[in-house]
Amino acid sequence: MRQQSGDEATPSWRRRRLTRWVALTAYILAVAGLAAVFWHWVRGKSWDDSLSLAFTVTMSALGAQLGAVLVRRRAARRGDG
């Protein structure tokens, strides 16, 4: 059956979740990039130090998000949330 205008199928939950993770990663990378530029220009650190800071900020933020997902899943399984 053909879909009518305005009756578009909603994206699957996997696609929505992937889109959210891509958007979150892009946001975190942008913030980490700004942190690296600040660290280099304002603090006068080398680019190696600045990029190490950006990597640390990115991994910490993504790790925290993944940890939060695991906590929410465990709570949902137990019926706590």
N, C-alpha and C. Protein backbone atom coordinates (compact mmCIF):
# COMPACT_ATOMS: atom_id res chain seq x y z
N MET A 1 0.84 -1.17 0.00
CA MET A 1 0.00 0.00 0.00
C MET A 1 0.89 1.24 0.00
N ARG A 2 0.56 2.19 -0.83
CA ARG A 2 1.35 3.44 -0.92
C ARG A 2 1.03 4.35 0.25
N GLN A 3 2.09 5.01 0.71
CA GLN A 3 1.88 5.97 1.79
C GLN A 3 1.42 7.30 1.21
N GLN A 4 0.52 7.94 1.92
CA GLN A 4 0.05 9.24 1.50
C GLN A 4 0.95 10.31 2.09
N SER A 5 0.87 11.49 1.51
CA SER A 5 1.66 12.60 2.01
C SER A 5 1.31 12.87 3.47
N GLY A 6 2.34 13.06 4.28
CA GLY A 6 2.13 13.31 5.70
C GLY A 6 1.97 12.05 6.51
N ASP A 7 2.04 10.90 5.85
CA ASP A 7 1.88 9.62 6.53
C ASP A 7 3.18 8.83 6.45
N GLU A 8 4.30 9.54 6.67
CA GLU A 8 5.59 8.88 6.56
C GLU A 8 5.77 7.91 7.71
N ALA A 9 6.46 6.84 7.41
CA ALA A 9 6.74 5.86 8.45
C ALA A 9 7.76 6.44 9.43
N THR A 10 7.56 6.17 10.70
CA THR A 10 8.52 6.65 11.69
C THR A 10 9.77 5.80 11.63
N PRO A 11 10.93 6.40 11.86
CA PRO A 11 12.15 5.61 11.83
C PRO A 11 12.18 4.60 12.97
N SER A 12 12.85 3.51 12.74
CA SER A 12 12.93 2.48 13.75
C SER A 12 13.69 2.98 14.97
N TRP A 13 13.50 2.30 16.07
CA TRP A 13 14.20 2.71 17.30
C TRP A 13 15.70 2.59 17.14
N ARG A 14 16.17 1.63 16.33
CA ARG A 14 17.62 1.51 16.11
C ARG A 14 18.16 2.72 15.36
N ARG A 15 17.43 3.18 14.37
CA ARG A 15 17.87 4.35 13.60
C ARG A 15 17.87 5.60 14.48
N ARG A 16 16.83 5.75 15.31
CA ARG A 16 16.77 6.90 16.22
C ARG A 16 17.92 6.86 17.22
N ARG A 17 18.20 5.67 17.74
CA ARG A 17 19.29 5.54 18.71
C ARG A 17 20.63 5.83 18.05
N LEU A 18 20.84 5.32 16.85
CA LEU A 18 22.08 5.59 16.11
C LEU A 18 22.21 7.09 15.83
N THR A 19 21.12 7.72 15.43
CA THR A 19 21.14 9.16 15.16
C THR A 19 21.51 9.95 16.42
N ARG A 20 20.94 9.56 17.56
CA ARG A 20 21.26 10.24 18.82
C ARG A 20 22.73 10.08 19.18
N TRP A 21 23.28 8.86 19.00
CA TRP A 21 24.69 8.63 19.33
C TRP A 21 25.61 9.40 18.39
N VAL A 22 25.26 9.47 17.11
CA VAL A 22 26.08 10.24 16.16
C VAL A 22 26.04 11.72 16.53
N ALA A 23 24.87 12.23 16.86
CA ALA A 23 24.76 13.63 17.25
C ALA A 23 25.53 13.91 18.54
N LEU A 24 25.42 13.01 19.50
CA LEU A 24 26.15 13.18 20.76
C LEU A 24 27.65 13.16 20.52
N THR A 25 28.12 12.23 19.71
CA THR A 25 29.55 12.14 19.42
C THR A 25 30.03 13.39 18.70
N ALA A 26 29.26 13.89 17.75
CA ALA A 26 29.66 15.11 17.04
C ALA A 26 29.73 16.28 18.01
N TYR A 27 28.78 16.38 18.92
CA TYR A 27 28.77 17.46 19.91
C TYR A 27 29.99 17.35 20.83
N ILE A 28 30.27 16.16 21.30
CA ILE A 28 31.41 15.97 22.20
C ILE A 28 32.72 16.28 21.48
N LEU A 29 32.84 15.86 20.22
CA LEU A 29 34.05 16.16 19.46
C LEU A 29 34.22 17.66 19.25
N ALA A 30 33.12 18.37 19.03
CA ALA A 30 33.19 19.82 18.87
C ALA A 30 33.64 20.49 20.17
N VAL A 31 33.08 20.06 21.28
CA VAL A 31 33.48 20.62 22.57
C VAL A 31 34.94 20.28 22.87
N ALA A 32 35.35 19.06 22.59
CA ALA A 32 36.74 18.66 22.83
C ALA A 32 37.69 19.44 21.92
N GLY A 33 37.27 19.68 20.69
CA GLY A 33 38.09 20.49 19.78
C GLY A 33 38.26 21.91 20.30
N LEU A 34 37.18 22.49 20.78
CA LEU A 34 37.28 23.83 21.37
C LEU A 34 38.16 23.82 22.62
N ALA A 35 38.07 22.76 23.41
CA ALA A 35 38.93 22.64 24.59
C ALA A 35 40.39 22.56 24.17
N ALA A 36 40.68 21.83 23.09
CA ALA A 36 42.06 21.70 22.62
C ALA A 36 42.59 23.05 22.13
N VAL A 37 41.76 23.78 21.40
CA VAL A 37 42.18 25.10 20.92
C VAL A 37 42.42 26.04 22.10
N PHE A 38 41.51 26.04 23.07
CA PHE A 38 41.69 26.85 24.27
C PHE A 38 42.98 26.46 24.99
N TRP A 39 43.19 25.17 25.16
CA TRP A 39 44.38 24.68 25.86
C TRP A 39 45.66 25.11 25.15
N HIS A 40 45.61 25.13 23.82
CA HIS A 40 46.80 25.50 23.06
C HIS A 40 47.03 27.01 23.05
N TRP A 41 46.00 27.79 22.71
CA TRP A 41 46.17 29.22 22.55
C TRP A 41 46.20 29.98 23.87
N VAL A 42 45.28 29.69 24.75
CA VAL A 42 45.18 30.45 25.99
C VAL A 42 46.19 29.97 27.02
N ARG A 43 46.29 28.66 27.17
CA ARG A 43 47.20 28.12 28.17
C ARG A 43 48.64 28.02 27.66
N GLY A 44 48.83 28.10 26.35
CA GLY A 44 50.16 28.05 25.77
C GLY A 44 50.79 26.67 25.74
N LYS A 45 49.96 25.63 25.76
CA LYS A 45 50.46 24.25 25.73
C LYS A 45 50.74 23.83 24.29
N SER A 46 51.51 22.75 24.14
CA SER A 46 51.80 22.24 22.79
C SER A 46 50.55 21.59 22.21
N TRP A 47 50.58 21.38 20.89
CA TRP A 47 49.45 20.72 20.25
C TRP A 47 49.34 19.27 20.72
N ASP A 48 50.45 18.62 21.03
CA ASP A 48 50.38 17.26 21.56
C ASP A 48 49.59 17.22 22.86
N ASP A 49 49.90 18.15 23.77
CA ASP A 49 49.15 18.23 25.03
C ASP A 49 47.69 18.57 24.77
N SER A 50 47.44 19.46 23.84
CA SER A 50 46.08 19.90 23.55
C SER A 50 45.25 18.77 22.97
N LEU A 51 45.83 18.01 22.06
CA LEU A 51 45.10 16.89 21.47
C LEU A 51 44.92 15.76 22.47
N SER A 52 45.86 15.58 23.37
CA SER A 52 45.69 14.60 24.44
C SER A 52 44.53 15.00 25.34
N LEU A 53 44.42 16.28 25.63
CA LEU A 53 43.28 16.77 26.41
C LEU A 53 41.97 16.49 25.68
N ALA A 54 41.93 16.79 24.39
CA ALA A 54 40.71 16.56 23.60
C ALA A 54 40.33 15.08 23.60
N PHE A 55 41.32 14.21 23.46
CA PHE A 55 41.06 12.77 23.48
C PHE A 55 40.52 12.34 24.84
N THR A 56 41.12 12.85 25.90
CA THR A 56 40.68 12.50 27.25
C THR A 56 39.26 12.99 27.51
N VAL A 57 38.95 14.21 27.09
CA VAL A 57 37.60 14.75 27.27
C VAL A 57 36.58 13.91 26.49
N THR A 58 36.92 13.55 25.26
CA THR A 58 36.01 12.76 24.42
C THR A 58 35.76 11.39 25.02
N MET A 59 36.81 10.69 25.40
CA MET A 59 36.65 9.34 25.95
C MET A 59 35.91 9.37 27.29
N SER A 60 36.17 10.38 28.10
CA SER A 60 35.47 10.49 29.38
C SER A 60 33.97 10.74 29.18
N ALA A 61 33.64 11.62 28.26
CA ALA A 61 32.24 11.94 28.01
C ALA A 61 31.49 10.75 27.42
N LEU A 62 32.09 10.09 26.44
CA LEU A 62 31.43 8.92 25.84
C LEU A 62 31.33 7.77 26.83
N GLY A 63 32.38 7.58 27.62
CA GLY A 63 32.34 6.53 28.65
C GLY A 63 31.27 6.78 29.68
N ALA A 64 31.10 8.03 30.07
CA ALA A 64 30.05 8.38 31.03
C ALA A 64 28.67 8.12 30.44
N GLN A 65 28.48 8.44 29.18
CA GLN A 65 27.19 8.18 28.54
C GLN A 65 26.90 6.69 28.44
N LEU A 66 27.91 5.91 28.08
CA LEU A 66 27.72 4.46 28.00
C LEU A 66 27.44 3.87 29.38
N GLY A 67 28.13 4.38 30.39
CA GLY A 67 27.87 3.92 31.75
C GLY A 67 26.46 4.24 32.18
N ALA A 68 25.96 5.42 31.83
CA ALA A 68 24.59 5.80 32.16
C ALA A 68 23.58 4.89 31.48
N VAL A 69 23.87 4.50 30.25
CA VAL A 69 22.97 3.58 29.53
C VAL A 69 22.91 2.25 30.26
N LEU A 70 24.06 1.75 30.70
CA LEU A 70 24.07 0.47 31.41
C LEU A 70 23.32 0.55 32.74
N VAL A 71 23.48 1.63 33.47
CA VAL A 71 22.78 1.80 34.74
C VAL A 71 21.27 1.85 34.50
N ARG A 72 20.84 2.60 33.46
CA ARG A 72 19.40 2.67 33.17
C ARG A 72 18.84 1.30 32.78
N ARG A 73 19.60 0.53 31.99
CA ARG A 73 19.13 -0.80 31.59
C ARG A 73 18.98 -1.72 32.79
N ARG A 74 19.98 -1.70 33.67
CA ARG A 74 19.91 -2.57 34.86
C ARG A 74 18.75 -2.15 35.75
N ALA A 75 18.54 -0.86 35.91
CA ALA A 75 17.42 -0.39 36.73
C ALA A 75 16.09 -0.80 36.11
N ALA A 76 16.00 -0.71 34.79
CA ALA A 76 14.75 -1.10 34.13
C ALA A 76 14.50 -2.59 34.27
N ARG A 77 15.56 -3.41 34.20
CA ARG A 77 15.39 -4.85 34.36
C ARG A 77 14.89 -5.21 35.76
N ARG A 78 15.39 -4.49 36.76
CA ARG A 78 14.98 -4.76 38.14
C ARG A 78 13.64 -4.13 38.47
N GLY A 79 13.18 -3.22 37.62
CA GLY A 79 11.92 -2.54 37.88
C GLY A 79 12.07 -1.32 38.74
N ASP A 80 13.32 -0.80 38.83
CA ASP A 80 13.57 0.40 39.64
C ASP A 80 13.25 1.68 38.90
N GLY A 81 13.13 1.63 37.62
CA GLY A 81 12.93 2.89 36.92
C GLY A 81 12.14 2.69 35.73
